[in-house]
Amino acid sequence: MNTAAADEILVLTNVESAYGPIRAIRGVSLKVRRGEIATVLGSNGAGKTTILKTISGILDPTRGSVHFKGVDITAGDPAAIVRRGLVHVPEGREVFPLLSVRENLLMGAYTRRDRDGVARDMEQAFAYFPILKERLHQEAGLLSGGQQQMLAIARALVAAPELILLDEPSLGLSPRLTYEIFEIVVRINRERGTTVLLVEQNASMALNVADYGYVLENGRIVMEDRCAVLREKEDVKEFYLGMKAGGVRGERRWKKRKTWR
């Protein structure tokens, strides 16, 4: 058996997806290895969210294939994909605003029948996000933006995923809250062994927490490498990290923490 292939939990091969006549992603191929955090970087409109929607079955590709744990899930039913262990945390959080925090969390467990396991995973989610236990019976729509993002991630954890697709978790959050969210994402990855595919415009933060990265432009992967290598590439520095080319660096907003890597 090919050991490298056995470690690949997610494989996209020449995937194309479109919105009507507009091709959003064009021949995208990528791999995510079990237990790692991978990231897709790109500007607005590059196709990052479309990749995640295609993986999770929200959008059917017009070409190519998606394999999860060695099984072809191309254009699969989203509920069936969740049952296989792949959960999508969408951009904009998308909590159920009129349901309580508890009810939102239980929605994450709708494909499960092991009540004891659900209760255990809810308690573990509270360990990562204690504020949610304090707000357990509050309507989700009354939470702050940061608390709603925490709820969206906690709801995904209650589904007991092997892979989480995380779309723009920093969107609309303050730098402090962004830092807290990413710190918890890293803890989830390290402590639970949950694989994460992260889409994020905050390239500096994404490259600091992720193991492997892909750069997407106009629907195509134009660069990929270990994040430690991508951070040192001049194109990435100039266009995604706000640094000048030629070795003259601007100040990095986020510093790499030894506890993360």
Protein backbone atom coordinates (compact mmCIF):
# COMPACT_ATOMS: atom_id res chain seq x y z
CA MET A 1 0.00 0.00 0.00
CA ASN A 2 1.16 3.52 -0.74
CA THR A 3 1.64 5.01 2.76
CA ALA A 4 1.30 8.59 1.54
CA ALA A 5 -1.97 7.76 -0.21
CA ALA A 6 -3.25 6.00 2.91
CA ASP A 7 -2.67 9.19 4.89
CA GLU A 8 -4.73 11.30 2.48
CA ILE A 9 -8.18 11.81 4.00
CA LEU A 10 -9.40 14.14 1.22
CA VAL A 11 -8.45 14.18 -2.46
CA LEU A 12 -9.80 16.52 -5.15
CA THR A 13 -8.87 15.69 -8.74
CA ASN A 14 -9.37 18.18 -11.59
CA VAL A 15 -12.52 19.60 -10.02
CA GLU A 16 -14.50 22.28 -11.83
CA SER A 17 -17.64 23.96 -10.48
CA ALA A 18 -19.79 26.73 -11.89
CA TYR A 19 -22.63 29.09 -11.09
CA GLY A 20 -24.62 28.99 -14.31
CA PRO A 21 -22.28 30.00 -17.14
CA ILE A 22 -19.59 31.28 -14.75
CA ARG A 23 -16.83 28.80 -13.94
CA ALA A 24 -15.80 29.45 -10.34
CA ILE A 25 -13.07 26.82 -9.98
CA ARG A 26 -11.09 25.35 -12.85
CA GLY A 27 -9.28 22.03 -12.63
CA VAL A 28 -8.56 22.19 -8.90
CA SER A 29 -6.56 19.28 -7.49
CA LEU A 30 -5.55 19.16 -3.84
CA LYS A 31 -4.93 16.69 -1.05
CA VAL A 32 -5.39 16.94 2.69
CA ARG A 33 -3.52 14.50 4.89
CA ARG A 34 -5.09 12.99 7.98
CA GLY A 35 -4.39 14.95 11.18
CA GLU A 36 -3.09 18.12 9.53
CA ILE A 37 -4.41 21.63 9.08
CA ALA A 38 -4.41 22.61 5.41
CA THR A 39 -5.33 26.05 4.11
CA VAL A 40 -6.48 27.59 0.84
CA LEU A 41 -5.49 31.23 0.37
CA GLY A 42 -6.81 33.66 -2.20
CA SER A 43 -8.46 36.99 -2.73
CA ASN A 44 -12.20 37.64 -2.78
CA GLY A 45 -13.80 35.84 -5.71
CA ALA A 46 -10.89 33.45 -6.22
CA GLY A 47 -13.13 30.44 -5.62
CA LYS A 48 -12.19 29.43 -2.08
CA THR A 49 -15.73 29.06 -0.75
CA THR A 50 -16.77 27.23 -3.93
CA ILE A 51 -14.16 24.56 -3.21
CA LEU A 52 -15.65 23.90 0.22
CA LYS A 53 -19.22 23.88 -1.10
CA THR A 54 -18.21 21.37 -3.77
CA ILE A 55 -16.56 19.09 -1.23
CA SER A 56 -19.52 19.10 1.16
CA GLY A 57 -22.11 18.46 -1.56
CA ILE A 58 -23.78 21.87 -1.50
CA LEU A 59 -22.62 22.47 -5.08
CA ASP A 60 -22.26 19.72 -7.67
CA PRO A 61 -19.07 19.87 -9.75
CA THR A 62 -19.27 19.91 -13.52
CA ARG A 63 -16.08 17.89 -13.79
CA GLY A 64 -13.59 16.00 -11.65
CA SER A 65 -13.90 13.94 -8.48
CA VAL A 66 -13.88 14.30 -4.69
CA HIS A 67 -12.75 11.39 -2.53
CA PHE A 68 -13.06 11.29 1.27
CA LYS A 69 -11.39 8.43 3.16
CA GLY A 70 -10.96 6.67 -0.17
CA VAL A 71 -14.67 6.84 -1.06
CA ASP A 72 -15.99 8.84 -4.01
CA ILE A 73 -18.36 11.48 -2.57
CA THR A 74 -18.58 13.58 -5.75
CA ALA A 75 -21.96 15.37 -5.87
CA GLY A 76 -23.03 13.36 -2.84
CA ASP A 77 -25.94 14.07 -0.54
CA PRO A 78 -24.74 16.58 2.11
CA ALA A 79 -26.38 14.67 4.97
CA ALA A 80 -24.69 11.44 3.87
CA ILE A 81 -21.36 13.25 3.68
CA VAL A 82 -21.81 14.50 7.25
CA ARG A 83 -22.54 10.93 8.39
CA ARG A 84 -19.23 9.87 6.86
CA GLY A 85 -17.44 12.34 9.15
CA LEU A 86 -17.02 15.49 7.05
CA VAL A 87 -18.59 18.68 8.42
CA HIS A 88 -18.73 22.14 6.84
CA VAL A 89 -18.67 25.33 8.97
CA PRO A 90 -19.88 27.91 6.44
CA GLU A 91 -18.82 31.49 5.94
CA GLY A 92 -20.90 33.90 8.02
CA ARG A 93 -21.46 31.32 10.81
CA GLU A 94 -25.08 30.47 9.76
CA VAL A 95 -26.42 29.63 13.22
CA PHE A 96 -30.16 29.20 13.74
CA PRO A 97 -30.92 32.59 15.32
CA LEU A 98 -34.28 31.73 16.93
CA LEU A 99 -33.05 28.47 18.44
CA SER A 100 -31.18 28.35 21.72
CA VAL A 101 -27.49 27.56 21.96
CA ARG A 102 -28.39 24.06 23.17
CA GLU A 103 -30.79 23.50 20.29
CA ASN A 104 -28.17 24.68 17.78
CA LEU A 105 -25.68 22.19 19.21
CA LEU A 106 -28.20 19.37 19.00
CA MET A 107 -28.75 20.24 15.33
CA GLY A 108 -25.09 19.29 14.84
CA ALA A 109 -25.91 15.83 16.17
CA TYR A 110 -28.94 15.14 13.99
CA THR A 111 -27.19 12.31 12.13
CA ARG A 112 -26.14 10.58 15.38
CA ARG A 113 -27.99 8.01 17.48
CA ASP A 114 -25.48 7.59 20.34
CA ARG A 115 -26.96 9.88 22.99
CA ASP A 116 -24.15 9.26 25.47
CA GLY A 117 -21.58 10.14 22.83
CA VAL A 118 -23.45 13.32 21.92
CA ALA A 119 -23.57 14.40 25.56
CA ARG A 120 -19.85 13.70 25.92
CA ASP A 121 -19.01 15.72 22.79
CA MET A 122 -21.18 18.62 23.95
CA GLU A 123 -19.25 18.75 27.21
CA GLN A 124 -15.98 18.71 25.29
CA ALA A 125 -17.26 21.59 23.14
CA PHE A 126 -18.02 23.51 26.34
CA ALA A 127 -14.45 22.88 27.48
CA TYR A 128 -13.24 24.70 24.36
CA PHE A 129 -15.95 27.38 24.51
CA PRO A 130 -17.06 27.88 28.16
CA ILE A 131 -19.15 30.94 27.25
CA LEU A 132 -21.54 28.68 25.34
CA LYS A 133 -22.40 26.76 28.51
CA GLU A 134 -23.16 30.05 30.22
CA ARG A 135 -25.44 31.02 27.31
CA LEU A 136 -26.93 27.53 26.88
CA HIS A 137 -30.58 28.62 26.88
CA GLN A 138 -30.09 31.97 25.13
CA GLU A 139 -31.25 32.45 21.53
CA ALA A 140 -28.28 32.14 19.19
CA GLY A 141 -29.25 35.33 17.37
CA LEU A 142 -28.58 37.31 20.55
CA LEU A 143 -24.97 36.14 20.80
CA SER A 144 -22.11 38.36 19.70
CA GLY A 145 -20.41 37.66 16.36
CA GLY A 146 -17.51 35.95 18.08
CA GLN A 147 -19.82 33.81 20.20
CA GLN A 148 -21.79 32.79 17.10
CA GLN A 149 -18.56 31.70 15.44
CA MET A 150 -17.73 29.65 18.53
CA LEU A 151 -21.20 28.11 18.37
CA ALA A 152 -20.79 27.22 14.69
CA ILE A 153 -17.51 25.42 15.41
CA ALA A 154 -18.93 23.74 18.53
CA ARG A 155 -21.94 22.54 16.52
CA ALA A 156 -19.53 20.94 14.05
CA LEU A 157 -17.69 19.19 16.90
CA VAL A 158 -20.94 17.66 18.17
CA ALA A 159 -21.21 15.90 14.80
CA ALA A 160 -17.98 14.04 15.73
CA PRO A 161 -16.16 14.92 12.49
CA GLU A 162 -12.92 13.49 11.20
CA LEU A 163 -12.56 16.49 8.86
CA ILE A 164 -13.86 20.03 9.36
CA LEU A 165 -14.18 22.46 6.45
CA LEU A 166 -13.79 25.90 8.02
CA ASP A 167 -14.76 28.89 5.87
CA GLU A 168 -13.47 32.36 6.85
CA PRO A 169 -13.67 31.96 10.66
CA SER A 170 -12.20 35.45 11.18
CA LEU A 171 -14.87 37.20 9.09
CA GLY A 172 -16.19 40.26 10.94
CA LEU A 173 -14.25 39.51 14.13
CA SER A 174 -11.81 41.71 16.03
CA PRO A 175 -8.12 40.75 15.99
CA ARG A 176 -8.37 39.55 19.59
CA LEU A 177 -11.33 37.28 18.90
CA THR A 178 -9.73 36.03 15.70
CA TYR A 179 -6.66 35.05 17.68
CA GLU A 180 -8.79 33.20 20.25
CA ILE A 181 -10.74 31.32 17.56
CA PHE A 182 -7.59 30.17 15.78
CA GLU A 183 -5.97 29.13 19.04
CA ILE A 184 -8.94 26.85 19.73
CA VAL A 185 -8.91 25.48 16.17
CA VAL A 186 -5.29 24.43 16.70
CA ARG A 187 -6.18 22.84 20.04
CA ILE A 188 -9.02 20.87 18.41
CA ASN A 189 -6.60 19.64 15.74
CA ARG A 190 -3.88 18.68 18.21
CA GLU A 191 -6.00 17.27 21.02
CA ARG A 192 -8.75 15.50 19.05
CA GLY A 193 -6.72 14.70 15.93
CA THR A 194 -9.41 16.38 13.82
CA THR A 195 -8.23 17.26 10.33
CA VAL A 196 -9.04 20.81 9.20
CA LEU A 197 -9.28 22.38 5.74
CA LEU A 198 -9.27 26.11 6.31
CA VAL A 199 -10.29 28.90 3.93
CA GLU A 200 -9.16 32.26 5.21
CA GLN A 201 -8.36 35.76 3.94
CA ASN A 202 -6.12 36.49 6.91
CA ALA A 203 -3.18 34.82 5.20
CA SER A 204 -0.66 35.56 7.93
CA MET A 205 -2.76 33.82 10.55
CA ALA A 206 -3.65 30.92 8.26
CA LEU A 207 -0.03 30.27 7.30
CA ASN A 208 1.03 30.36 10.95
CA VAL A 209 -1.46 27.74 12.10
CA ALA A 210 -1.60 25.46 9.05
CA ASP A 211 0.80 22.71 7.96
CA TYR A 212 0.27 22.86 4.19
CA GLY A 213 -1.13 25.56 1.95
CA TYR A 214 -2.57 26.16 -1.51
CA VAL A 215 -2.77 29.53 -3.24
CA LEU A 216 -5.84 30.01 -5.44
CA GLU A 217 -6.12 32.64 -8.18
CA ASN A 218 -9.04 32.96 -10.59
CA GLY A 219 -10.28 29.50 -9.73
CA ARG A 220 -6.93 27.74 -10.22
CA ILE A 221 -4.28 26.49 -7.81
CA VAL A 222 -1.15 28.46 -8.72
CA MET A 223 1.11 27.50 -5.82
CA GLU A 224 1.29 24.90 -3.07
CA ASP A 225 3.84 23.93 -0.43
CA ARG A 226 4.41 23.54 3.27
CA CYS A 227 3.31 26.73 5.00
CA ALA A 228 6.79 27.35 6.37
CA VAL A 229 8.00 27.51 2.76
CA LEU A 230 5.07 29.59 1.47
CA ARG A 231 5.67 32.22 4.15
CA GLU A 232 9.10 32.88 2.66
CA LYS A 233 8.05 33.14 -1.00
CA GLU A 234 8.24 36.70 -2.31
CA ASP A 235 4.90 36.56 -4.14
CA VAL A 236 3.14 35.39 -0.99
CA LYS A 237 4.88 38.02 1.12
CA GLU A 238 3.95 40.82 -1.23
CA PHE A 239 0.37 39.92 -2.13
CA TYR A 240 -0.87 38.07 0.96
CA LEU A 241 1.29 39.12 3.91
CA GLY A 242 1.58 42.83 3.14
CA MET A 243 5.36 42.76 2.82
CA LYS A 244 7.46 44.40 0.17
CA ALA A 245 9.45 42.25 -2.23
CA GLY A 246 13.22 42.40 -2.38
CA GLY A 247 13.81 41.45 1.22
CA VAL A 248 12.35 44.59 2.81
CA ARG A 249 9.69 43.33 5.13
CA GLY A 250 6.78 45.09 6.66
CA GLU A 251 5.70 44.31 10.19
CA ARG A 252 3.85 41.01 10.61
CA ARG A 253 0.59 41.46 12.40
CA TRP A 254 0.60 37.96 13.78
CA LYS A 255 3.58 36.24 15.33
CA LYS A 256 4.02 32.52 15.18
CA ARG A 257 3.52 30.94 18.59
CA LYS A 258 5.63 27.98 19.59
CA THR A 259 2.62 26.44 21.31
CA TRP A 260 0.84 26.25 17.96
CA ARG A 261 3.36 24.37 15.88
